[in-house]
Amino acid sequence: MPGGRLTQAERQRIALGLADGLAYAEIARRLDRPTSTVTREVMRNGGPTAYRADLAHRATEQRAHRRKAPSAGARETPQLHGRDAEAVRAYEETFTTVLMASGLPKMMARVLTCLYTTDEGSLTAAELVRRLQVSPASVSKAIAFLESQDLVRRERAEGRRERYSVDDDLWYQSMIGSARATAQLVETARQGVGVLGTGTPAAARLENIARFLDFVSESIARAAEQAREILHTGGGGGGDGGGVGPLQ
């Protein structure tokens, strides 16, 4: 039933849908499930090319068993502000899945999600190990990768400890990087116009692509610059229309 745990039969239908090349949204529509449910199911069980219904079902049952019978050393992260622990856990899985779909490896996505969803704003390596229930080596490797991509910042804490936090400018830098990559595509497409001969069908096709991408690239860069200050505003941000004024 929609909203409940996926059945083995549903997982088999997901596998068949992937084999047929269906998009997650279409598979979800046929199952009467949210697209996020199908996306999370596939990404946490091997991805679209390695997903196997029987293995996914077995892995889910094992995870459920571990939740019911945690090890003596495992400690549940305290939930503040009256949050529902299961809802928080499900949201973190969804956020991780979306980051993985954008290209991040699983452990790096889990660490980034943990940093984004903590009220403290930063965590030590030991705190990440405890929250994620993984080895210190896994956290160290993930942090090294995220730092190399300018996705996290390292800060000196009390004593010799270091804390890690997400850069408030991450999304701005990501948008600007996307605009620059698109601008390179524009330049390459326009080089092809000269090579293939102005006025030819192939050159006309490339020129249309260049014009479209040029507009998109400029729009992304302009919007990112105009909205950058939103990343540095305080407060919880509700639906009251607060924040920066209309973009000009």
Protein backbone atom coordinates (compact mmCIF):
# COMPACT_ATOMS: atom_id res chain seq x y z
CA MET A 1 0.00 0.00 0.00
CA PRO A 2 1.25 3.55 -0.70
CA GLY A 3 3.22 4.87 2.26
CA GLY A 4 4.03 1.42 3.63
CA ARG A 5 7.17 -0.64 3.22
CA LEU A 6 7.93 -1.88 -0.30
CA THR A 7 6.97 -5.50 -0.89
CA GLN A 8 9.09 -8.05 -2.72
CA ALA A 9 6.62 -7.99 -5.60
CA GLU A 10 7.01 -4.20 -5.88
CA ARG A 11 10.77 -4.55 -5.90
CA GLN A 12 10.49 -7.04 -8.75
CA ARG A 13 8.38 -4.53 -10.67
CA ILE A 14 11.01 -1.86 -10.01
CA ALA A 15 13.69 -4.18 -11.40
CA LEU A 16 11.57 -4.87 -14.50
CA GLY A 17 10.96 -1.16 -14.97
CA LEU A 18 14.68 -0.42 -14.80
CA ALA A 19 15.37 -3.21 -17.31
CA ASP A 20 12.83 -1.60 -19.65
CA GLY A 21 14.57 1.78 -19.29
CA LEU A 22 11.69 3.47 -17.49
CA ALA A 23 12.30 6.66 -15.52
CA TYR A 24 11.92 6.56 -11.72
CA ALA A 25 8.82 8.76 -11.98
CA GLU A 26 7.11 6.33 -14.36
CA ILE A 27 7.98 3.31 -12.21
CA ALA A 28 6.64 5.15 -9.17
CA ARG A 29 3.42 6.05 -11.02
CA ARG A 30 2.81 2.41 -11.90
CA LEU A 31 3.35 1.41 -8.28
CA ASP A 32 1.30 4.32 -6.93
CA ARG A 33 4.33 5.37 -4.88
CA PRO A 34 6.21 8.67 -4.48
CA THR A 35 9.09 9.05 -6.92
CA SER A 36 11.42 9.65 -3.95
CA THR A 37 10.58 6.17 -2.62
CA VAL A 38 11.66 4.48 -5.84
CA THR A 39 14.73 6.69 -6.22
CA ARG A 40 15.87 5.96 -2.65
CA GLU A 41 15.19 2.24 -3.06
CA VAL A 42 17.28 1.98 -6.22
CA MET A 43 20.17 4.21 -5.13
CA ARG A 44 20.67 2.49 -1.79
CA ASN A 45 20.66 -0.96 -3.43
CA GLY A 46 23.25 -0.76 -6.17
CA GLY A 47 21.90 1.93 -8.50
CA PRO A 48 19.94 1.52 -11.75
CA THR A 49 22.46 -0.80 -13.42
CA ALA A 50 23.09 -3.13 -10.46
CA TYR A 51 19.68 -3.21 -8.74
CA ARG A 52 18.44 -6.74 -7.92
CA ALA A 53 15.00 -7.19 -6.36
CA ASP A 54 15.87 -10.22 -4.22
CA LEU A 55 19.09 -8.70 -2.87
CA ALA A 56 17.36 -5.39 -2.18
CA HIS A 57 14.56 -7.11 -0.27
CA ARG A 58 17.02 -9.14 1.80
CA ALA A 59 19.13 -6.06 2.59
CA THR A 60 16.04 -4.12 3.70
CA GLU A 61 14.99 -6.93 6.05
CA GLN A 62 18.49 -7.00 7.54
CA ARG A 63 18.45 -3.23 8.10
CA ALA A 64 15.05 -3.47 9.78
CA HIS A 65 16.35 -6.22 12.04
CA ARG A 66 19.36 -4.13 13.04
CA ARG A 67 17.07 -1.22 13.95
CA LYS A 68 14.95 -3.47 16.19
CA ALA A 69 17.95 -4.99 17.90
CA PRO A 70 20.75 -2.39 18.04
CA SER A 71 24.14 -3.43 19.37
CA ALA A 72 24.94 -2.66 22.97
CA GLY A 73 27.46 0.00 21.94
CA ALA A 74 25.20 1.78 19.48
CA ARG A 75 23.70 5.03 20.68
CA GLU A 76 20.66 6.69 19.17
CA THR A 77 21.22 10.33 18.22
CA PRO A 78 19.04 12.47 20.53
CA GLN A 79 16.17 14.14 18.71
CA LEU A 80 15.67 17.74 19.76
CA HIS A 81 12.71 20.07 19.22
CA GLY A 82 10.20 17.22 19.41
CA ARG A 83 11.35 15.66 16.14
CA ASP A 84 10.21 12.20 15.12
CA ALA A 85 13.35 10.02 15.00
CA GLU A 86 12.02 7.76 12.23
CA ALA A 87 10.94 10.75 10.11
CA VAL A 88 14.39 12.33 10.54
CA ARG A 89 16.06 9.07 9.55
CA ALA A 90 13.87 8.74 6.44
CA TYR A 91 14.57 12.34 5.45
CA GLU A 92 18.32 11.84 5.84
CA GLU A 93 18.10 8.80 3.55
CA THR A 94 16.18 10.83 0.97
CA PHE A 95 18.69 13.70 1.14
CA THR A 96 21.58 11.23 0.79
CA THR A 97 19.91 9.60 -2.21
CA VAL A 98 19.49 12.95 -3.97
CA LEU A 99 23.17 13.81 -3.36
CA MET A 100 24.18 10.40 -4.72
CA ALA A 101 22.03 10.99 -7.80
CA SER A 102 23.98 14.22 -8.38
CA GLY A 103 27.22 12.23 -8.50
CA LEU A 104 28.51 11.97 -4.93
CA PRO A 105 29.73 8.57 -3.66
CA LYS A 106 27.52 7.11 -0.92
CA MET A 107 29.76 7.74 2.12
CA MET A 108 30.54 11.29 1.02
CA ALA A 109 26.81 11.91 0.55
CA ARG A 110 26.06 10.51 4.03
CA VAL A 111 28.68 12.74 5.67
CA LEU A 112 27.42 15.82 3.83
CA THR A 113 23.83 15.04 4.80
CA CYS A 114 24.86 14.66 8.43
CA LEU A 115 26.58 18.06 8.40
CA TYR A 116 23.61 19.74 6.72
CA THR A 117 21.04 18.37 9.15
CA THR A 118 22.86 19.02 12.42
CA ASP A 119 21.74 21.96 14.54
CA GLU A 120 25.29 22.49 15.79
CA GLY A 121 26.46 23.59 12.35
CA SER A 122 29.65 21.55 12.60
CA LEU A 123 30.80 18.12 13.83
CA THR A 124 34.07 16.47 14.79
CA ALA A 125 35.28 13.28 13.11
CA ALA A 126 34.39 11.33 16.27
CA GLU A 127 30.85 12.74 16.24
CA LEU A 128 30.44 11.77 12.57
CA VAL A 129 31.67 8.25 13.34
CA ARG A 130 29.15 7.93 16.18
CA ARG A 131 26.21 9.37 14.23
CA LEU A 132 26.84 7.35 11.07
CA GLN A 133 28.02 4.16 12.84
CA VAL A 134 30.97 3.75 10.47
CA SER A 135 34.73 3.45 10.89
CA PRO A 136 37.01 6.46 11.49
CA ALA A 137 38.81 5.56 8.25
CA SER A 138 35.55 5.87 6.28
CA VAL A 139 34.86 9.31 7.72
CA SER A 140 38.45 10.43 7.13
CA LYS A 141 38.31 9.35 3.48
CA ALA A 142 34.94 11.05 2.96
CA ILE A 143 36.11 14.30 4.57
CA ALA A 144 39.29 14.33 2.44
CA PHE A 145 37.19 13.98 -0.72
CA LEU A 146 34.66 16.63 0.32
CA GLU A 147 37.46 19.06 1.20
CA SER A 148 39.09 18.50 -2.19
CA GLN A 149 35.77 19.54 -3.77
CA ASP A 150 35.42 22.57 -1.48
CA LEU A 151 32.23 21.10 -0.05
CA VAL A 152 33.27 21.24 3.63
CA ARG A 153 35.47 23.45 5.80
CA ARG A 154 37.94 22.30 8.45
CA GLU A 155 38.07 24.40 11.63
CA ARG A 156 40.28 24.15 14.69
CA ALA A 157 38.28 23.39 17.84
CA GLU A 158 39.34 23.19 21.47
CA GLY A 159 42.50 21.21 22.11
CA ARG A 160 43.78 19.35 19.05
CA ARG A 161 40.34 18.45 17.74
CA GLU A 162 39.05 19.66 14.41
CA ARG A 163 35.48 20.35 13.42
CA TYR A 164 33.96 20.12 9.97
CA SER A 165 31.16 22.24 8.59
CA VAL A 166 29.48 22.83 5.25
CA ASP A 167 30.38 25.98 3.37
CA ASP A 168 27.44 28.39 3.17
CA ASP A 169 28.57 29.30 -0.33
CA LEU A 170 28.44 25.70 -1.57
CA TRP A 171 25.32 26.13 -3.67
CA TYR A 172 26.48 29.48 -5.05
CA GLN A 173 29.81 27.98 -6.11
CA SER A 174 28.00 24.98 -7.57
CA MET A 175 25.74 27.19 -9.70
CA ILE A 176 28.65 29.33 -10.88
CA GLY A 177 30.60 26.17 -11.74
CA SER A 178 27.62 24.88 -13.71
CA ALA A 179 27.37 28.20 -15.59
CA ARG A 180 31.08 28.06 -16.47
CA ALA A 181 30.82 24.47 -17.70
CA THR A 182 27.82 25.44 -19.84
CA ALA A 183 29.73 28.42 -21.22
CA GLN A 184 32.45 26.01 -22.36
CA LEU A 185 29.85 24.00 -24.22
CA VAL A 186 28.69 27.20 -25.90
CA GLU A 187 32.22 27.99 -27.07
CA THR A 188 32.74 24.46 -28.36
CA ALA A 189 29.43 24.44 -30.22
CA ARG A 190 30.29 27.74 -31.94
CA GLN A 191 33.68 26.38 -32.97
CA GLY A 192 31.79 23.63 -34.76
CA VAL A 193 29.79 26.19 -36.74
CA GLY A 194 32.98 27.40 -38.40
CA VAL A 195 34.28 23.89 -39.00
CA LEU A 196 31.07 22.53 -40.51
CA GLY A 197 30.35 25.61 -42.59
CA THR A 198 27.94 28.47 -41.88
CA GLY A 199 24.56 27.83 -43.41
CA THR A 200 24.77 24.04 -43.37
CA PRO A 201 22.15 22.04 -41.44
CA ALA A 202 24.75 20.73 -38.98
CA ALA A 203 26.14 24.22 -38.33
CA ALA A 204 22.62 25.62 -37.85
CA ARG A 205 21.92 22.90 -35.30
CA LEU A 206 25.07 23.74 -33.34
CA GLU A 207 24.34 27.47 -33.47
CA ASN A 208 20.86 26.89 -32.03
CA ILE A 209 22.37 24.78 -29.25
CA ALA A 210 24.95 27.50 -28.55
CA ARG A 211 22.31 30.24 -28.38
CA PHE A 212 20.15 28.19 -26.03
CA LEU A 213 23.01 27.25 -23.70
CA ASP A 214 24.41 30.77 -23.76
CA PHE A 215 21.09 32.13 -22.50
CA VAL A 216 20.86 29.41 -19.82
CA SER A 217 24.45 29.99 -18.67
CA GLU A 218 24.02 33.73 -18.33
CA SER A 219 20.68 33.30 -16.54
CA ILE A 220 22.16 30.86 -14.01
CA ALA A 221 25.14 33.11 -13.25
CA ARG A 222 22.97 36.22 -12.93
CA ALA A 223 20.42 34.52 -10.68
CA ALA A 224 23.15 33.04 -8.47
CA GLU A 225 24.76 36.46 -7.99
CA GLN A 226 21.43 38.11 -7.19
CA ALA A 227 20.34 35.40 -4.74
CA ARG A 228 23.68 34.80 -3.04
CA GLU A 229 22.78 36.81 0.06
CA ILE A 230 19.95 34.34 0.82
CA LEU A 231 22.62 31.83 1.83
CA HIS A 232 23.79 34.16 4.59
CA THR A 233 20.45 35.22 6.08
CA GLY A 234 19.61 34.06 9.58
CA GLY A 235 16.39 32.67 10.98
CA GLY A 236 14.40 29.57 10.26
CA GLY A 237 12.85 30.81 7.04
CA GLY A 238 9.21 29.86 6.95
CA GLY A 239 6.65 30.41 4.26
CA ASP A 240 6.12 34.06 5.17
CA GLY A 241 7.91 35.40 2.11
CA GLY A 242 10.93 36.64 4.06
CA GLY A 243 14.44 36.92 2.65
CA VAL A 244 15.70 39.04 -0.21
CA GLY A 245 13.35 41.06 -2.34
CA PRO A 246 12.30 40.23 -5.88
CA LEU A 247 15.18 39.57 -8.25
CA GLN A 248 15.62 42.29 -10.81
